[in-house]
Amino acid sequence: MGSVNAAARRIQRIYLTLTLGNTLAASFIWGVNTLFLLDAGLSSFEAFAANAFFTLGMVLFEIPTGVVADGWGRRTSFLLGTITLAGSTFLYYLLWLYHSPFWAWAIVSILLGLGFTFFSGAVEAWLVDAMRFSGYEGGLEGVFGRAQMVSGVAMLVGSVAGGVIAQATNLGVPFLIRVGVLMVMFGVAFWVMRDVGFTPERSRHPLQATKGVLTASIDNGLKNPPVRYVMLAAPFTAGVGIYVFYALQPFLLDLFGDPKAYSIAGLAAAIVAGSQVLGGWLAPRIRLLFRKRSSVLIASVSVSAAILVVLGITKVFWVALLLLAVWAMVAAAATPVQQAYLNDMIPSKQRATVLSFASLMGSSGGIVVQPVLGRAADIYGYPASLAIGGLIELIALPFLVASRRQNAPADSARDGDEPAAVEGLTPETP
């Protein structure tokens, strides 16, 4: 592992603090979000359609907010994200309070997506650039693995607390708590976060900048074969993952036999969180078992899809919880490996841009997958929809295999190797 000096340790501490606070804020509602939407009078199809509008918002705004991150700074992007997400979350609470029509949920869900796009790519790019600037030359799996563990702990606390608080009060209170925590994080980021190792470029007109960002995303993303194939796999893996996480709430309550046991929904999210902690710890260790990073991703998708199919046919509550834990751990262990793989193939100046574009690709899958599987849940039930989701996830495998066949240097890089992505990297052409 590369040496970690005092400056690099400080950067890591700030990154982990931001990860902790953001995940804690978000996770207060993760255990009850679907129940919240259903309690507001939405059908299963409408609830997951609302989630699809959220992902539509992420698709629409990934590139414009990428302009903010690369043109105005990653700190500015983070601060705008906390304010936007806090405001749209409060609007969500008001929609629930007044049992608003679906079109209102669709609009506010898009605004929630806007809030998250300010974060996607920007914070990760801030970390990598600042770490390289501080002289850190080690691998990234360990850093991202620790962030995964911190995120899991925050999710564990937030999701359990959100479920318990919802049961003790009502489903709206966790949303108000999220607003409060986000405002605290705004103050923390304003005080400690500074752009290091990166100079924003603000000279261009916004429309020209957006066009430039889109061009850079394509040149350094879709035109770079190993990156392109990972991006093309994302709609299937991310789309299914988002659906499964939220579908598990009503699914487990049905198995448990009590539709009002909101703490059980929080327990499900907590199990996912605990699995994330373990997965984050395992990530650099699992990486040592494979010659290539892409092999880790291929194995993860294969195991995840198989678990979802089995989860769809189980009738025993505790067996479902065990399968859920394994599913979450597998996904969590693969995430830092994928982050390191992509970051080592992206030049610094376009890092936030390409990472945001990769997130956009994943979100685009959620637009289609969530309402489709939500409709399947209405017709065939939640167990069948989970099994169908597992089959959809398998579509990602050919793309990941294609990425592996490119033999990119970043694919074989290990902790302690020099980063594969450098300034002036020229993407391969098809």
Protein backbone atom coordinates (compact mmCIF):
# COMPACT_ATOMS: atom_id res chain seq x y z
CA MET A 1 0.00 0.00 0.00
CA GLY A 2 1.21 3.48 -0.81
CA SER A 3 2.39 5.68 2.04
CA VAL A 4 -0.18 7.99 3.56
CA ASN A 5 1.24 11.32 4.71
CA ALA A 6 -0.42 13.82 7.05
CA ALA A 7 -2.06 15.78 4.21
CA ALA A 8 -3.50 12.63 2.65
CA ARG A 9 -4.82 11.47 6.02
CA ARG A 10 -6.56 14.80 6.51
CA ILE A 11 -8.17 14.54 3.07
CA GLN A 12 -9.38 11.05 3.92
CA ARG A 13 -10.82 12.22 7.24
CA ILE A 14 -12.77 15.00 5.53
CA TYR A 15 -14.03 12.61 2.84
CA LEU A 16 -15.12 10.07 5.42
CA THR A 17 -16.84 12.79 7.46
CA LEU A 18 -18.79 13.98 4.42
CA THR A 19 -19.66 10.37 3.55
CA LEU A 20 -20.81 9.71 7.10
CA GLY A 21 -23.02 12.78 7.29
CA ASN A 22 -24.56 12.44 3.84
CA THR A 23 -25.33 8.75 4.24
CA LEU A 24 -26.76 9.30 7.71
CA ALA A 25 -29.06 12.02 6.38
CA ALA A 26 -30.21 9.95 3.42
CA SER A 27 -30.65 6.70 5.37
CA PHE A 28 -33.25 8.04 7.79
CA ILE A 29 -35.83 7.49 5.06
CA TRP A 30 -34.35 4.47 3.26
CA GLY A 31 -36.05 1.95 5.49
CA VAL A 32 -39.50 3.49 5.12
CA ASN A 33 -39.51 5.34 1.78
CA THR A 34 -41.70 2.86 -0.13
CA LEU A 35 -44.07 2.55 2.84
CA PHE A 36 -44.16 6.36 2.98
CA LEU A 37 -45.23 6.56 -0.67
CA LEU A 38 -47.84 3.83 -0.28
CA ASP A 39 -49.16 5.51 2.87
CA ALA A 40 -49.61 8.70 0.84
CA GLY A 41 -52.10 6.85 -1.36
CA LEU A 42 -49.88 5.78 -4.25
CA SER A 43 -50.14 2.31 -5.80
CA SER A 44 -47.06 0.10 -6.13
CA PHE A 45 -46.75 1.17 -9.75
CA GLU A 46 -47.06 4.86 -8.83
CA ALA A 47 -44.60 4.51 -5.94
CA PHE A 48 -41.90 3.06 -8.18
CA ALA A 49 -42.85 5.45 -10.98
CA ALA A 50 -42.13 8.26 -8.50
CA ASN A 51 -38.73 6.66 -7.91
CA ALA A 52 -38.31 6.51 -11.68
CA PHE A 53 -38.92 10.25 -11.90
CA PHE A 54 -36.20 10.64 -9.28
CA THR A 55 -33.79 8.77 -11.51
CA LEU A 56 -35.04 10.78 -14.50
CA GLY A 57 -34.01 13.90 -12.59
CA MET A 58 -30.55 12.42 -12.13
CA VAL A 59 -30.31 11.71 -15.86
CA LEU A 60 -31.49 15.21 -16.82
CA PHE A 61 -29.16 17.04 -14.45
CA GLU A 62 -26.00 14.91 -14.34
CA ILE A 63 -24.33 16.84 -17.16
CA PRO A 64 -25.37 20.39 -16.06
CA THR A 65 -24.26 19.70 -12.49
CA GLY A 66 -21.06 18.20 -13.90
CA VAL A 67 -20.46 21.68 -15.34
CA VAL A 68 -20.86 23.09 -11.84
CA ALA A 69 -18.40 20.56 -10.36
CA ASP A 70 -15.74 21.00 -13.06
CA GLY A 71 -16.40 24.69 -13.75
CA TRP A 72 -17.18 26.10 -10.31
CA GLY A 73 -15.57 23.59 -8.01
CA ARG A 74 -16.42 20.34 -6.25
CA ARG A 75 -17.01 22.19 -2.94
CA THR A 76 -19.59 24.46 -4.57
CA SER A 77 -21.32 21.44 -6.06
CA PHE A 78 -21.49 19.73 -2.67
CA LEU A 79 -22.94 22.80 -0.96
CA LEU A 80 -25.60 23.24 -3.65
CA GLY A 81 -26.46 19.56 -3.30
CA THR A 82 -27.14 19.79 0.45
CA ILE A 83 -29.42 22.83 0.01
CA THR A 84 -31.34 21.36 -2.93
CA LEU A 85 -31.79 17.97 -1.30
CA ALA A 86 -32.94 19.49 2.00
CA GLY A 87 -35.53 21.66 0.25
CA SER A 88 -36.91 18.89 -1.97
CA THR A 89 -37.06 16.46 0.98
CA PHE A 90 -39.20 18.95 2.89
CA LEU A 91 -41.49 19.23 -0.13
CA TYR A 92 -41.80 15.43 -0.11
CA TYR A 93 -42.97 15.65 3.47
CA LEU A 94 -45.63 18.20 2.51
CA LEU A 95 -46.85 16.00 -0.35
CA TRP A 96 -47.32 13.12 2.10
CA LEU A 97 -49.00 15.37 4.65
CA TYR A 98 -51.64 16.54 2.15
CA HIS A 99 -51.97 13.29 0.11
CA SER A 100 -51.04 15.15 -3.06
CA PRO A 101 -51.71 13.86 -6.61
CA PHE A 102 -49.13 11.80 -8.47
CA TRP A 103 -48.03 14.62 -10.80
CA ALA A 104 -46.79 16.58 -7.77
CA TRP A 105 -44.78 13.58 -6.59
CA ALA A 106 -43.26 13.32 -10.07
CA ILE A 107 -42.09 16.95 -10.04
CA VAL A 108 -40.59 16.85 -6.54
CA SER A 109 -38.96 13.49 -7.27
CA ILE A 110 -37.13 15.13 -10.18
CA LEU A 111 -35.93 17.85 -7.80
CA LEU A 112 -34.64 15.16 -5.43
CA GLY A 113 -32.71 13.73 -8.36
CA LEU A 114 -31.24 17.17 -9.00
CA GLY A 115 -30.03 17.32 -5.41
CA PHE A 116 -28.17 14.03 -5.67
CA THR A 117 -26.55 14.90 -9.00
CA PHE A 118 -24.64 17.70 -7.30
CA PHE A 119 -22.96 14.97 -5.21
CA SER A 120 -22.44 12.24 -7.81
CA GLY A 121 -18.93 12.33 -9.18
CA ALA A 122 -18.02 15.60 -7.46
CA VAL A 123 -17.12 14.27 -3.99
CA GLU A 124 -15.31 11.23 -5.37
CA ALA A 125 -13.38 13.41 -7.83
CA TRP A 126 -12.53 15.82 -4.99
CA LEU A 127 -11.07 12.96 -2.97
CA VAL A 128 -8.97 11.44 -5.77
CA ASP A 129 -7.52 14.75 -6.97
CA ALA A 130 -6.75 15.92 -3.43
CA MET A 131 -5.13 12.59 -2.54
CA ARG A 132 -2.91 12.65 -5.63
CA PHE A 133 -2.01 16.29 -4.97
CA SER A 134 -1.01 15.42 -1.41
CA GLY A 135 1.50 12.88 -2.74
CA TYR A 136 -0.49 9.69 -2.18
CA GLU A 137 0.46 7.11 -4.82
CA GLY A 138 -1.23 4.02 -3.45
CA GLY A 139 -4.25 2.11 -4.74
CA LEU A 140 -7.77 3.35 -4.20
CA GLU A 141 -9.60 0.16 -3.16
CA GLY A 142 -8.55 0.63 0.47
CA VAL A 143 -9.72 4.26 0.57
CA PHE A 144 -13.05 3.51 -1.07
CA GLY A 145 -13.41 0.40 1.08
CA ARG A 146 -13.11 2.48 4.25
CA ALA A 147 -15.69 4.91 2.86
CA GLN A 148 -17.98 1.95 2.19
CA MET A 149 -17.59 0.85 5.80
CA VAL A 150 -18.29 4.34 7.14
CA SER A 151 -21.30 4.59 4.84
CA GLY A 152 -22.54 1.24 6.11
CA VAL A 153 -22.26 2.31 9.76
CA ALA A 154 -24.14 5.55 9.00
CA MET A 155 -26.80 3.63 7.11
CA LEU A 156 -27.11 1.14 9.96
CA VAL A 157 -27.74 3.91 12.48
CA GLY A 158 -29.96 5.99 10.21
CA SER A 159 -32.12 3.21 8.83
CA VAL A 160 -32.78 1.59 12.22
CA ALA A 161 -33.48 4.97 13.80
CA GLY A 162 -35.73 5.96 10.90
CA GLY A 163 -37.81 2.79 11.19
CA VAL A 164 -38.13 3.02 14.97
CA ILE A 165 -38.93 6.73 14.88
CA ALA A 166 -41.55 6.19 12.16
CA GLN A 167 -43.23 3.49 14.23
CA ALA A 168 -43.15 5.63 17.39
CA THR A 169 -44.38 8.78 15.63
CA ASN A 170 -45.35 8.66 11.94
CA LEU A 171 -43.78 8.07 8.53
CA GLY A 172 -43.13 11.77 7.97
CA VAL A 173 -40.78 12.45 10.89
CA PRO A 174 -37.71 10.67 9.38
CA PHE A 175 -37.96 13.02 6.40
CA LEU A 176 -37.83 16.06 8.68
CA ILE A 177 -34.79 14.61 10.47
CA ARG A 178 -33.07 14.20 7.09
CA VAL A 179 -33.61 17.90 6.38
CA GLY A 180 -31.98 18.83 9.69
CA VAL A 181 -28.93 16.62 9.19
CA LEU A 182 -28.41 17.97 5.66
CA MET A 183 -28.33 21.52 6.98
CA VAL A 184 -25.69 20.49 9.52
CA MET A 185 -23.64 18.94 6.70
CA PHE A 186 -23.85 22.19 4.75
CA GLY A 187 -22.14 23.93 7.66
CA VAL A 188 -19.49 21.21 8.01
CA ALA A 189 -18.62 21.23 4.29
CA PHE A 190 -18.56 25.03 4.19
CA TRP A 191 -16.02 25.01 7.01
CA VAL A 192 -13.65 22.13 6.12
CA MET A 193 -13.95 21.37 2.38
CA ARG A 194 -11.59 23.11 -0.06
CA ASP A 195 -10.76 22.22 -3.67
CA VAL A 196 -7.19 20.87 -3.61
CA GLY A 197 -5.27 19.68 -6.65
CA PHE A 198 -7.94 21.01 -8.99
CA THR A 199 -8.53 24.43 -10.54
CA PRO A 200 -12.08 25.14 -11.76
CA GLU A 201 -12.49 26.52 -15.29
CA ARG A 202 -15.19 29.20 -15.32
CA SER A 203 -14.37 30.99 -18.55
CA ARG A 204 -16.93 29.42 -20.87
CA HIS A 205 -20.59 30.25 -21.37
CA PRO A 206 -22.85 27.74 -19.52
CA LEU A 207 -24.21 26.25 -22.75
CA GLN A 208 -20.73 25.95 -24.23
CA ALA A 209 -19.51 24.46 -20.97
CA THR A 210 -22.34 21.91 -20.98
CA LYS A 211 -21.48 20.95 -24.55
CA GLY A 212 -17.82 20.66 -23.58
CA VAL A 213 -18.67 18.50 -20.57
CA LEU A 214 -20.83 16.22 -22.69
CA THR A 215 -18.04 15.94 -25.27
CA ALA A 216 -15.49 15.15 -22.56
CA SER A 217 -17.84 12.55 -21.08
CA ILE A 218 -18.08 10.82 -24.43
CA ASP A 219 -14.38 11.13 -25.29
CA ASN A 220 -13.13 9.90 -21.91
CA GLY A 221 -16.06 7.59 -21.22
CA LEU A 222 -18.01 6.03 -24.07
CA LYS A 223 -15.09 6.26 -26.52
CA ASN A 224 -12.77 4.54 -24.07
CA PRO A 225 -13.74 0.84 -24.52
CA PRO A 226 -13.07 -0.55 -21.01
CA VAL A 227 -14.91 2.41 -19.46
CA ARG A 228 -17.68 2.25 -22.06
CA TYR A 229 -18.58 -1.34 -21.32
CA VAL A 230 -18.74 -0.73 -17.56
CA MET A 231 -21.06 2.21 -18.29
CA LEU A 232 -23.26 0.10 -20.55
CA ALA A 233 -23.61 -2.51 -17.80
CA ALA A 234 -24.69 0.12 -15.26
CA PRO A 235 -28.35 0.54 -16.35
CA PHE A 236 -29.02 -3.11 -15.59
CA THR A 237 -27.08 -3.40 -12.33
CA ALA A 238 -28.01 0.01 -10.88
CA GLY A 239 -31.60 -0.07 -12.11
CA VAL A 240 -32.26 -3.44 -10.51
CA GLY A 241 -30.33 -2.53 -7.36
CA ILE A 242 -32.41 0.58 -6.72
CA TYR A 243 -35.66 -1.32 -7.22
CA VAL A 244 -34.66 -4.23 -5.00
CA PHE A 245 -33.61 -2.01 -2.13
CA TYR A 246 -36.97 -0.26 -1.96
CA ALA A 247 -39.07 -3.32 -2.89
CA LEU A 248 -37.61 -5.24 0.05
CA GLN A 249 -39.61 -3.06 2.45
CA PRO A 250 -43.12 -4.25 1.47
CA PHE A 251 -41.74 -7.68 0.51
CA LEU A 252 -40.34 -8.36 3.99
CA LEU A 253 -43.39 -6.90 5.72
CA ASP A 254 -45.56 -9.32 3.75
CA LEU A 255 -43.35 -12.23 4.84
CA PHE A 256 -43.35 -10.99 8.43
CA GLY A 257 -47.14 -10.72 8.41
CA ASP A 258 -47.56 -7.21 9.84
CA PRO A 259 -47.87 -4.31 7.35
CA LYS A 260 -47.45 -1.75 10.15
CA ALA A 261 -44.18 -3.13 11.54
CA TYR A 262 -42.09 -0.23 10.25
CA SER A 263 -39.18 -1.21 12.47
CA ILE A 264 -38.87 -4.42 10.42
CA ALA A 265 -38.43 -2.30 7.29
CA GLY A 266 -35.74 -0.40 9.16
CA LEU A 267 -34.15 -3.71 10.16
CA ALA A 268 -33.95 -4.73 6.50
CA ALA A 269 -32.11 -1.51 5.65
CA ALA A 270 -29.89 -2.03 8.70
CA ILE A 271 -28.92 -5.51 7.48
CA VAL A 272 -27.96 -3.98 4.14
CA ALA A 273 -25.93 -1.39 6.05
CA GLY A 274 -24.12 -3.99 8.14
CA SER A 275 -23.38 -5.96 5.00
CA GLN A 276 -21.93 -2.79 3.47
CA VAL A 277 -19.53 -2.45 6.36
CA LEU A 278 -18.38 -6.03 5.92
CA GLY A 279 -18.28 -5.67 2.14
CA GLY A 280 -16.17 -2.52 2.38
CA TRP A 281 -13.71 -4.33 4.66
CA LEU A 282 -13.61 -7.31 2.30
CA ALA A 283 -13.19 -5.29 -0.92
CA PRO A 284 -9.36 -4.98 -0.98
CA ARG A 285 -9.06 -8.57 0.27
CA ILE A 286 -11.40 -9.96 -2.37
CA ARG A 287 -9.46 -7.99 -4.97
CA LEU A 288 -6.37 -10.06 -4.09
CA LEU A 289 -8.23 -13.23 -5.10
CA PHE A 290 -8.71 -12.06 -8.68
CA ARG A 291 -6.12 -11.15 -11.28
CA LYS A 292 -8.38 -8.46 -12.76
CA ARG A 293 -10.79 -5.96 -11.27
CA SER A 294 -13.37 -6.71 -13.96
CA SER A 295 -13.43 -10.33 -12.80
CA VAL A 296 -14.64 -9.12 -9.40
CA LEU A 297 -17.47 -7.23 -11.10
CA ILE A 298 -18.45 -10.23 -13.21
CA ALA A 299 -18.55 -12.51 -10.17
CA SER A 300 -20.55 -9.95 -8.21
CA VAL A 301 -23.27 -9.62 -10.86
CA SER A 302 -23.52 -13.40 -11.27
CA VAL A 303 -23.93 -14.05 -7.55
CA SER A 304 -26.29 -11.10 -7.07
CA ALA A 305 -28.61 -12.25 -9.85
CA ALA A 306 -28.71 -15.80 -8.47
CA ILE A 307 -29.57 -14.53 -4.99
CA LEU A 308 -32.46 -12.42 -6.31
CA VAL A 309 -33.95 -15.41 -8.10
CA VAL A 310 -33.75 -17.48 -4.91
CA LEU A 311 -35.05 -14.57 -2.85
CA GLY A 312 -38.06 -14.43 -5.15
CA ILE A 313 -39.12 -17.98 -4.29
CA THR A 314 -38.41 -18.09 -0.55
CA LYS A 315 -41.37 -18.07 1.84
CA VAL A 316 -39.45 -17.89 5.13
CA PHE A 317 -38.81 -14.46 6.64
CA TRP A 318 -35.46 -15.25 8.29
CA VAL A 319 -34.15 -16.99 5.18
CA ALA A 320 -35.05 -13.87 3.21
CA LEU A 321 -33.10 -11.72 5.68
CA LEU A 322 -30.05 -13.97 5.29
CA LEU A 323 -30.24 -13.79 1.50
CA LEU A 324 -30.65 -10.03 1.71
CA ALA A 325 -27.47 -9.77 3.82
CA VAL A 326 -25.43 -11.81 1.34
CA TRP A 327 -26.84 -9.86 -1.63
CA ALA A 328 -25.88 -6.54 -0.02
CA MET A 329 -22.41 -7.76 0.98
CA VAL A 330 -21.62 -8.96 -2.54
CA ALA A 331 -22.66 -5.61 -4.05
CA ALA A 332 -20.78 -3.66 -1.37
CA ALA A 333 -17.55 -5.59 -1.89
CA ALA A 334 -17.63 -4.93 -5.64
CA THR A 335 -18.36 -1.19 -5.42
CA PRO A 336 -14.89 0.02 -4.26
CA VAL A 337 -13.28 -2.20 -6.90
CA GLN A 338 -15.41 -0.63 -9.64
CA GLN A 339 -14.68 2.87 -8.30
CA ALA A 340 -10.94 2.22 -8.36
CA TYR A 341 -11.16 0.65 -11.84
CA LEU A 342 -12.94 3.66 -13.33
CA ASN A 343 -10.90 6.32 -11.51
CA ASP A 344 -7.63 4.81 -12.72
CA MET A 345 -8.82 5.24 -16.32
CA ILE A 346 -10.04 8.85 -16.10
CA PRO A 347 -7.86 11.99 -16.34
CA SER A 348 -8.17 14.51 -13.51
CA LYS A 349 -9.70 17.40 -15.45
CA GLN A 350 -12.63 15.26 -16.58
CA ARG A 351 -12.89 13.07 -13.48
CA ALA A 352 -16.10 14.54 -12.04
CA THR A 353 -17.58 14.78 -15.53
CA VAL A 354 -17.01 11.15 -16.48
CA LEU A 355 -18.02 9.83 -13.06
CA SER A 356 -21.23 11.85 -13.30
CA PHE A 357 -21.83 10.45 -16.77
CA ALA A 358 -21.32 6.93 -15.42
CA SER A 359 -23.89 7.70 -12.73
CA LEU A 360 -26.20 9.01 -15.45
CA MET A 361 -25.96 5.69 -17.27
CA GLY A 362 -26.94 3.83 -14.12
CA SER A 363 -29.81 6.19 -13.44
CA SER A 364 -31.13 5.78 -16.98
CA GLY A 365 -31.72 2.11 -16.23
CA GLY A 366 -33.74 3.02 -13.15
CA ILE A 367 -36.13 5.08 -15.25
CA VAL A 368 -37.26 1.94 -17.08
CA VAL A 369 -36.50 -0.89 -14.65
CA GLN A 370 -38.28 0.54 -11.58
CA PRO A 371 -41.75 1.09 -13.08
CA VAL A 372 -41.51 -2.17 -15.05
CA LEU A 373 -40.70 -4.18 -11.93
CA GLY A 374 -43.19 -2.13 -9.90
CA ARG A 375 -45.88 -3.10 -12.39
CA ALA A 376 -44.73 -6.72 -12.17
CA ALA A 377 -45.16 -6.47 -8.38
CA ASP A 378 -48.74 -5.23 -8.85
CA ILE A 379 -49.57 -8.12 -11.18
CA TYR A 380 -47.46 -11.04 -9.93
CA GLY A 381 -46.38 -9.93 -6.46
CA TYR A 382 -43.08 -8.70 -5.00
CA PRO A 383 -41.35 -12.12 -4.92
CA ALA A 384 -41.80 -12.58 -8.68
CA SER A 385 -40.62 -9.03 -9.35
CA LEU A 386 -37.36 -9.72 -7.46
CA ALA A 387 -36.74 -12.86 -9.50
CA ILE A 388 -37.39 -10.95 -12.72
CA GLY A 389 -34.95 -8.31 -11.50
CA GLY A 390 -32.28 -10.98 -11.12
CA LEU A 391 -32.76 -12.03 -14.74
CA ILE A 392 -32.54 -8.42 -15.92
CA GLU A 393 -29.29 -7.95 -14.00
CA LEU A 394 -27.71 -10.79 -15.96
CA ILE A 395 -27.89 -8.63 -19.09
CA ALA A 396 -24.93 -6.68 -17.64
CA LEU A 397 -22.59 -9.68 -17.86
CA PRO A 398 -21.69 -9.49 -21.59
CA PHE A 399 -20.69 -5.84 -21.18
CA LEU A 400 -18.45 -6.56 -18.20
CA VAL A 401 -16.86 -9.46 -20.08
CA ALA A 402 -16.22 -7.08 -23.00
CA SER A 403 -14.56 -4.60 -20.62
CA ARG A 404 -12.33 -7.37 -19.31
CA ARG A 405 -11.24 -8.30 -22.84
CA GLN A 406 -9.81 -4.79 -23.38
CA ASN A 407 -6.91 -5.65 -21.03
CA ALA A 408 -6.69 -2.10 -19.72
CA PRO A 409 -3.71 -1.48 -17.36
CA ALA A 410 -6.18 -0.30 -14.69
CA ASP A 411 -7.87 -3.69 -14.78
CA SER A 412 -4.79 -5.47 -13.47
CA ALA A 413 -3.58 -2.68 -11.16
CA ARG A 414 -3.31 -3.52 -7.48
CA ASP A 415 -2.95 -1.55 -4.28
CA GLY A 416 0.37 0.24 -4.41
CA ASP A 417 0.60 0.43 -8.21
CA GLU A 418 0.92 3.76 -9.95
CA PRO A 419 -2.44 5.15 -11.09
CA ALA A 420 -3.26 4.17 -14.65
CA ALA A 421 -5.10 7.39 -15.50
CA VAL A 422 -2.85 10.39 -16.09
CA GLU A 423 -3.21 13.79 -17.63
CA GLY A 424 -3.15 13.56 -21.39
CA LEU A 425 -4.64 10.07 -21.51
CA THR A 426 -5.91 9.42 -24.99
CA PRO A 427 -8.91 7.06 -25.09
CA GLU A 428 -8.81 4.21 -27.54
CA THR A 429 -11.18 4.44 -30.46
CA PRO A 430 -13.49 1.59 -31.49
